[in-house]
Amino acid sequence: MAKILVVDDESDLELLIKQKFRKKIREDIYQFIFAEDGFDAIQKLEENPDVEVILSDINMPGMDGLTLLTKLPTSHPLIKAVMVSAYSDMDNIRTAMNRGAFDFVCKPVNFNDLELTVEKTLQHVQLLKETFRAIKENNILKMYVDENVLNFMTQKEFEASLLANETIEASVMFVDICGFTAITDNASANEVVNLLNQYFDLIVKEIIAQNGHVDKFIGDAVMAIFRGKFHLDRAIDAAIAVRDQIKSIEAIKTGPHHYKPSVSIGINMGEMISGNIGSASLRRLDYTVIGDSVNMAQRLQAVGQEGQILITEAVYQKAKESFSCKPIGQVSLKNKAKPFALYEVIE
């Protein structure tokens, strides 16, 4: 059963929601909890930590909806908020989205649209939960091994995991959000982090859709690994989807400037070493891959322009039957003595 918190000072919305969702309430598909403002909502969240979605008004006495949004990332990072408000001007929409709102529904409420929005938001929350569950299982996201993770492992298992190193054949993808560092000069810390996390959400979703593993986040870049059958094809499919998703995002205004996100992507394949790398004494290890194949993918991304997906000629020979590519000539890469013939994946 999905638990949904509705935050609105208008009592008639509570009645309408109970009427419109009565079948799913009766069948224990949805459970609705109601709060009259942001302060009340925070109290309700403490009493109901399993809330998955918040439907919140913007203009309320006490704490308004935009302020409530700023309280969620640290204390309730998996909850997604949908703003339900008559304030449908672009400034309010952009402010809400920059503060982490997942979606926006205008009053008077179209309940068919609201129901679809709730379903979509719940699906996104489930995806996030599955990803975090996979972190614990060391499946999709293999992050730092610290005390929190060690609570799920015996000391013997931990010691064994340190030795779980192997040489694998895989594809590596580096995705960089172009020009994002310029935003830090014109936006608050919360706005920068929330916006970056929104972009990362889109990127991670496409990686997981192709059965890829997010290896790490590096500043405003993502490193992903693809293993198993057709790993190169899946990596390129993910790259194309990421490029198109980011390209579809509208430009935002930060200070006196407008920023429209784009990505540069480098993909390479080959042998690489997979294992836990870091400091065992600090209990901080990164389950990652290393090797020249990995370094090459990062260098391809570094020389890529906005919207480009770059591969080497060796990768092109394996991908050309499945993907449309064009040569971009000989390019010098960092720490490489000779230039490399590179290709750009078009579609």
Protein backbone atom coordinates (compact mmCIF):
# COMPACT_ATOMS: atom_id res chain seq x y z
CA MET A 1 0.00 0.00 0.00
CA ALA A 2 1.37 3.41 -1.03
CA LYS A 3 1.17 6.13 1.61
CA ILE A 4 0.58 9.69 0.29
CA LEU A 5 0.70 12.90 2.31
CA VAL A 6 -1.57 15.75 1.13
CA VAL A 7 -0.55 19.21 2.40
CA ASP A 8 -3.20 21.89 1.86
CA ASP A 9 -5.09 24.35 4.06
CA GLU A 10 -8.29 23.92 2.01
CA SER A 11 -10.42 21.27 3.71
CA ASP A 12 -12.51 20.64 0.59
CA LEU A 13 -9.47 19.12 -1.18
CA GLU A 14 -9.36 16.39 1.45
CA LEU A 15 -12.99 15.55 0.74
CA LEU A 16 -12.46 15.56 -3.02
CA ILE A 17 -9.44 13.29 -2.82
CA LYS A 18 -11.26 10.81 -0.59
CA GLN A 19 -14.13 10.77 -3.09
CA LYS A 20 -12.05 10.51 -6.25
CA PHE A 21 -9.68 7.84 -4.89
CA ARG A 22 -12.27 5.96 -2.85
CA LYS A 23 -11.84 2.71 -4.81
CA LYS A 24 -8.07 2.59 -4.33
CA ILE A 25 -8.47 3.62 -0.69
CA ARG A 26 -11.02 0.85 -0.16
CA GLU A 27 -8.77 -1.71 -1.86
CA ASP A 28 -5.77 -0.63 0.30
CA ILE A 29 -3.80 0.51 -2.74
CA TYR A 30 -3.46 4.09 -1.48
CA GLN A 31 -3.55 5.53 2.03
CA PHE A 32 -3.88 9.30 2.29
CA ILE A 33 -2.70 11.41 5.23
CA PHE A 34 -3.60 15.09 5.45
CA ALA A 35 -1.74 18.13 6.82
CA GLU A 36 -2.78 21.80 6.82
CA ASP A 37 0.66 23.35 6.23
CA GLY A 38 4.39 22.60 6.10
CA PHE A 39 4.83 22.47 9.89
CA ASP A 40 1.99 19.99 10.21
CA ALA A 41 3.43 18.01 7.28
CA ILE A 42 6.82 17.62 9.00
CA GLN A 43 5.05 16.31 12.10
CA LYS A 44 3.03 13.86 9.99
CA LEU A 45 6.23 12.66 8.29
CA GLU A 46 7.79 11.92 11.69
CA GLU A 47 4.72 9.86 12.56
CA ASN A 48 4.63 8.18 9.14
CA PRO A 49 8.20 7.62 7.90
CA ASP A 50 6.94 5.31 5.14
CA VAL A 51 5.26 8.16 3.19
CA GLU A 52 6.36 7.92 -0.46
CA VAL A 53 4.71 10.89 -2.20
CA ILE A 54 3.68 14.37 -1.07
CA LEU A 55 0.96 16.40 -2.79
CA SER A 56 1.50 19.96 -1.60
CA ASP A 57 -0.08 23.36 -2.12
CA ILE A 58 2.27 26.35 -2.47
CA ASN A 59 0.47 29.19 -0.64
CA MET A 60 -0.42 28.15 2.92
CA PRO A 61 -0.38 29.81 6.35
CA GLY A 62 2.52 28.79 8.54
CA MET A 63 5.12 27.04 6.38
CA ASP A 64 4.38 27.26 2.65
CA GLY A 65 4.96 24.52 0.12
CA LEU A 66 8.16 25.95 -1.37
CA THR A 67 9.75 26.10 2.09
CA LEU A 68 8.61 22.53 2.79
CA LEU A 69 10.47 21.40 -0.32
CA THR A 70 13.77 22.62 1.12
CA LYS A 71 13.27 20.45 4.24
CA LEU A 72 12.86 17.16 2.40
CA PRO A 73 16.25 16.31 0.81
CA THR A 74 18.18 15.85 4.06
CA SER A 75 15.53 14.21 6.25
CA HIS A 76 13.45 12.37 3.62
CA PRO A 77 15.60 11.95 0.49
CA LEU A 78 13.44 9.26 -1.14
CA ILE A 79 10.14 11.16 -0.90
CA LYS A 80 9.04 12.91 -4.09
CA ALA A 81 6.78 15.97 -3.99
CA VAL A 82 4.14 17.01 -6.51
CA MET A 83 2.99 20.62 -6.22
CA VAL A 84 -0.79 21.08 -6.52
CA SER A 85 -1.47 24.80 -6.73
CA ALA A 86 -3.40 27.57 -8.42
CA TYR A 87 -0.10 29.48 -8.66
CA SER A 88 0.84 28.20 -12.12
CA ASP A 89 3.12 31.04 -13.22
CA MET A 90 6.57 30.06 -14.49
CA ASP A 91 8.44 31.63 -11.55
CA ASN A 92 6.63 29.40 -9.06
CA ILE A 93 7.04 26.34 -11.27
CA ARG A 94 10.77 26.92 -11.74
CA THR A 95 11.29 27.64 -8.04
CA ALA A 96 9.44 24.45 -7.11
CA MET A 97 11.38 22.34 -9.61
CA ASN A 98 14.71 23.83 -8.55
CA ARG A 99 13.90 22.93 -4.95
CA GLY A 100 13.31 19.32 -5.88
CA ALA A 101 9.62 19.07 -6.85
CA PHE A 102 9.03 16.03 -9.03
CA ASP A 103 6.03 17.43 -10.91
CA PHE A 104 3.39 20.19 -10.91
CA VAL A 105 -0.43 20.00 -11.13
CA CYS A 106 -2.56 23.14 -11.41
CA LYS A 107 -5.84 23.92 -9.67
CA PRO A 108 -8.67 23.42 -10.35
CA VAL A 109 -7.42 19.84 -10.22
CA ASN A 110 -8.02 17.48 -13.12
CA PHE A 111 -8.22 14.28 -11.10
CA ASN A 112 -7.49 12.02 -14.06
CA ASP A 113 -4.26 13.93 -14.58
CA LEU A 114 -3.55 13.85 -10.84
CA GLU A 115 -4.03 10.09 -10.70
CA LEU A 116 -1.62 9.54 -13.59
CA THR A 117 0.89 11.90 -11.96
CA VAL A 118 0.66 10.04 -8.65
CA GLU A 119 1.20 6.70 -10.41
CA LYS A 120 4.21 8.04 -12.29
CA THR A 121 5.69 9.53 -9.12
CA LEU A 122 5.21 6.29 -7.16
CA GLN A 123 6.94 4.36 -9.94
CA HIS A 124 9.88 6.75 -9.70
CA VAL A 125 10.06 6.32 -5.92
CA GLN A 126 10.02 2.54 -6.33
CA LEU A 127 12.89 2.82 -8.80
CA LEU A 128 14.87 4.83 -6.26
CA LYS A 129 14.12 2.29 -3.53
CA GLU A 130 15.22 -0.58 -5.76
CA THR A 131 18.43 1.27 -6.53
CA PHE A 132 19.19 1.84 -2.85
CA ARG A 133 18.30 -1.78 -2.09
CA ALA A 134 20.78 -2.77 -4.77
CA ILE A 135 23.44 -0.68 -3.03
CA LYS A 136 23.04 -2.86 0.05
CA GLU A 137 23.19 -6.00 -2.08
CA ASN A 138 26.31 -4.71 -3.86
CA ASN A 139 24.55 -5.17 -7.21
CA ILE A 140 23.91 -1.98 -9.17
CA LEU A 141 25.57 0.77 -7.19
CA LYS A 142 28.69 -0.31 -5.34
CA MET A 143 29.70 2.62 -3.25
CA TYR A 144 31.94 3.18 -0.21
CA VAL A 145 32.25 0.35 2.27
CA ASP A 146 31.84 2.11 5.63
CA GLU A 147 30.25 1.30 8.96
CA ASN A 148 26.71 1.52 7.61
CA VAL A 149 27.42 -1.12 5.00
CA LEU A 150 29.42 -3.25 7.42
CA ASN A 151 26.29 -3.57 9.56
CA PHE A 152 25.00 -5.86 6.82
CA MET A 153 28.17 -7.92 6.60
CA THR A 154 30.12 -10.12 8.96
CA GLN A 155 33.81 -9.42 9.37
CA LYS A 156 34.55 -12.64 7.49
CA GLU A 157 32.39 -11.53 4.55
CA PHE A 158 34.08 -8.13 4.57
CA GLU A 159 37.55 -9.69 4.43
CA ALA A 160 36.44 -11.98 1.61
CA SER A 161 35.04 -9.03 -0.34
CA LEU A 162 38.44 -7.37 -0.30
CA LEU A 163 39.78 -10.29 -2.32
CA ALA A 164 36.91 -10.36 -4.84
CA ASN A 165 38.98 -8.90 -7.68
CA GLU A 166 38.82 -10.03 -11.29
CA THR A 167 39.64 -9.13 -14.87
CA ILE A 168 36.48 -8.53 -16.88
CA GLU A 169 35.44 -7.61 -20.40
CA ALA A 170 33.04 -4.68 -20.27
CA SER A 171 32.08 -1.28 -21.65
CA VAL A 172 32.62 1.97 -19.74
CA MET A 173 30.71 5.23 -20.21
CA PHE A 174 31.57 8.67 -18.84
CA VAL A 175 28.82 11.32 -18.98
CA ASP A 176 29.66 14.95 -18.20
CA ILE A 177 27.05 17.70 -17.83
CA CYS A 178 28.61 20.46 -19.92
CA GLY A 179 29.12 23.89 -18.40
CA PHE A 180 27.38 23.04 -15.15
CA THR A 181 30.08 24.54 -12.93
CA ALA A 182 29.14 28.01 -14.24
CA ILE A 183 25.80 27.70 -12.42
CA THR A 184 27.55 27.70 -9.05
CA ASP A 185 28.42 31.36 -9.53
CA ASN A 186 24.80 32.39 -10.02
CA ALA A 187 22.69 30.09 -7.84
CA SER A 188 22.41 29.07 -4.19
CA ALA A 189 23.93 25.83 -2.91
CA ASN A 190 20.49 24.21 -2.56
CA GLU A 191 19.51 25.15 -6.10
CA VAL A 192 22.79 23.83 -7.53
CA VAL A 193 22.59 20.50 -5.69
CA ASN A 194 18.88 19.96 -6.39
CA LEU A 195 19.31 20.75 -10.08
CA LEU A 196 22.33 18.45 -10.40
CA ASN A 197 20.45 15.64 -8.66
CA GLN A 198 17.54 16.06 -11.07
CA TYR A 199 19.91 15.67 -14.01
CA PHE A 200 21.58 12.67 -12.36
CA ASP A 201 18.16 11.06 -11.84
CA LEU A 202 17.51 11.20 -15.58
CA ILE A 203 20.96 9.82 -16.41
CA VAL A 204 20.82 6.99 -13.87
CA LYS A 205 17.36 5.94 -15.04
CA GLU A 206 18.62 5.38 -18.59
CA ILE A 207 21.72 3.52 -17.38
CA ILE A 208 19.65 1.16 -15.24
CA ALA A 209 17.19 0.65 -18.11
CA GLN A 210 20.09 -0.90 -20.07
CA ASN A 211 21.20 -3.04 -17.10
CA GLY A 212 24.20 -0.83 -16.46
CA HIS A 213 25.87 -0.23 -13.09
CA VAL A 214 26.51 3.31 -11.90
CA ASP A 215 30.09 3.11 -10.68
CA LYS A 216 30.44 6.59 -9.22
CA PHE A 217 29.51 10.27 -9.41
CA ILE A 218 32.50 12.53 -10.04
CA GLY A 219 31.54 16.17 -9.55
CA ASP A 220 29.01 16.79 -12.33
CA ALA A 221 29.91 13.58 -14.21
CA VAL A 222 28.74 9.97 -14.02
CA MET A 223 30.77 6.82 -14.64
CA ALA A 224 28.86 3.67 -15.59
CA ILE A 225 29.83 0.06 -16.35
CA PHE A 226 28.04 -2.37 -18.67
CA ARG A 227 28.80 -6.09 -18.38
CA GLY A 228 27.39 -9.25 -19.91
CA LYS A 229 25.87 -9.91 -23.33
CA PHE A 230 25.84 -7.03 -25.81
CA HIS A 231 27.43 -4.71 -23.24
CA LEU A 232 28.68 -2.30 -25.92
CA ASP A 233 25.29 -2.02 -27.62
CA ARG A 234 23.60 -1.42 -24.27
CA ALA A 235 26.15 1.25 -23.34
CA ILE A 236 25.59 3.12 -26.62
CA ASP A 237 21.80 2.78 -26.30
CA ALA A 238 22.03 4.28 -22.82
CA ALA A 239 24.25 7.12 -24.07
CA ILE A 240 21.81 8.02 -26.85
CA ALA A 241 18.88 7.98 -24.41
CA VAL A 242 20.79 10.15 -21.93
CA ARG A 243 21.74 12.65 -24.63
CA ASP A 244 18.14 12.91 -25.86
CA GLN A 245 16.65 13.19 -22.37
CA ILE A 246 19.01 15.98 -21.33
CA LYS A 247 18.54 17.74 -24.67
CA SER A 248 14.77 17.87 -24.10
CA ILE A 249 15.13 19.86 -20.85
CA GLU A 250 14.19 23.52 -21.18
CA ALA A 251 16.68 26.26 -20.42
CA ILE A 252 16.60 27.76 -16.93
CA LYS A 253 17.56 31.23 -15.75
CA THR A 254 20.37 31.52 -13.21
CA GLY A 255 21.09 35.13 -12.32
CA PRO A 256 21.53 37.16 -15.51
CA HIS A 257 22.23 34.06 -17.60
CA HIS A 258 20.23 31.23 -19.15
CA TYR A 259 21.52 27.67 -18.88
CA LYS A 260 20.43 24.77 -21.08
CA PRO A 261 21.99 21.46 -20.08
CA SER A 262 23.80 19.18 -22.51
CA VAL A 263 26.19 16.29 -22.15
CA SER A 264 29.44 15.04 -23.61
CA ILE A 265 29.88 11.26 -23.47
CA GLY A 266 32.85 8.95 -23.95
CA ILE A 267 32.44 5.18 -24.40
CA ASN A 268 35.10 2.49 -24.59
CA MET A 269 35.24 -1.28 -24.21
CA GLY A 270 37.88 -3.87 -23.40
CA GLU A 271 39.55 -5.65 -20.53
CA MET A 272 39.67 -3.98 -17.13
CA ILE A 273 40.31 -4.93 -13.51
CA SER A 274 37.29 -4.96 -11.21
CA GLY A 275 37.79 -4.85 -7.45
CA ASN A 276 37.66 -2.98 -4.14
CA ILE A 277 40.14 -0.12 -4.20
CA GLY A 278 40.85 2.26 -1.34
CA SER A 279 41.91 2.09 2.30
CA ALA A 280 40.90 -0.95 4.35
CA SER A 281 42.10 0.75 7.56
CA LEU A 282 39.60 3.57 6.97
CA ARG A 283 36.97 1.08 5.79
CA ARG A 284 36.54 3.21 2.72
CA LEU A 285 36.82 1.25 -0.47
CA ASP A 286 35.37 1.91 -3.87
CA TYR A 287 34.19 -1.15 -5.79
CA THR A 288 35.24 0.03 -9.22
CA VAL A 289 37.09 -0.79 -12.43
CA ILE A 290 40.52 0.43 -13.49
CA GLY A 291 42.73 0.08 -16.53
CA ASP A 292 43.60 1.74 -19.81
CA SER A 293 40.17 0.96 -21.27
CA VAL A 294 38.57 2.99 -18.46
CA ASN A 295 41.03 5.86 -18.81
CA MET A 296 40.36 6.01 -22.55
CA ALA A 297 36.61 6.44 -22.02
CA GLN A 298 37.24 9.37 -19.68
CA ARG A 299 39.62 11.00 -22.16
CA LEU A 300 37.04 10.64 -24.94
CA GLN A 301 34.47 12.39 -22.79
CA ALA A 302 36.96 15.15 -21.97
CA VAL A 303 37.53 16.05 -25.64
CA GLY A 304 33.85 15.71 -26.57
CA GLN A 305 31.76 18.74 -27.43
CA GLU A 306 28.20 19.40 -26.26
CA GLY A 307 25.85 16.64 -27.41
CA GLN A 308 28.65 14.37 -28.68
CA ILE A 309 29.04 10.65 -28.00
CA LEU A 310 32.63 9.71 -28.89
CA ILE A 311 34.16 6.26 -29.51
CA THR A 312 37.48 4.99 -30.86
CA GLU A 313 37.93 3.35 -34.26
CA ALA A 314 38.23 -0.07 -32.58
CA VAL A 315 34.85 0.41 -30.91
CA TYR A 316 33.40 1.79 -34.14
CA GLN A 317 34.31 -1.42 -35.98
CA LYS A 318 32.22 -3.38 -33.49
CA ALA A 319 29.33 -0.92 -33.38
CA LYS A 320 29.00 0.24 -37.00
CA GLU A 321 26.46 -2.42 -37.98
CA SER A 322 24.07 -1.34 -35.23
CA PHE A 323 24.63 2.40 -34.99
CA SER A 324 25.06 5.33 -37.34
CA CYS A 325 28.42 7.03 -36.74
CA LYS A 326 30.54 9.65 -38.46
CA PRO A 327 34.32 10.13 -38.38
CA ILE A 328 35.65 13.28 -36.75
CA GLY A 329 39.32 12.75 -37.62
CA GLN A 330 42.53 12.31 -35.67
CA VAL A 331 42.38 13.74 -32.14
CA SER A 332 45.16 14.04 -29.56
CA LEU A 333 44.26 12.59 -26.16
CA LYS A 334 45.81 13.26 -22.77
CA ASN A 335 48.90 11.12 -22.02
CA LYS A 336 48.74 9.40 -25.41
CA ALA A 337 51.76 9.71 -27.72
CA LYS A 338 49.82 9.45 -30.98
CA PRO A 339 46.47 10.90 -32.07
CA PHE A 340 43.48 8.56 -32.29
CA ALA A 341 40.90 8.28 -35.05
CA LEU A 342 37.59 9.03 -33.32
CA TYR A 343 33.97 8.62 -34.33
CA GLU A 344 30.77 10.30 -33.15
CA VAL A 345 27.67 8.19 -32.59
CA ILE A 346 24.73 9.87 -34.31
CA GLU A 347 21.85 7.45 -33.75
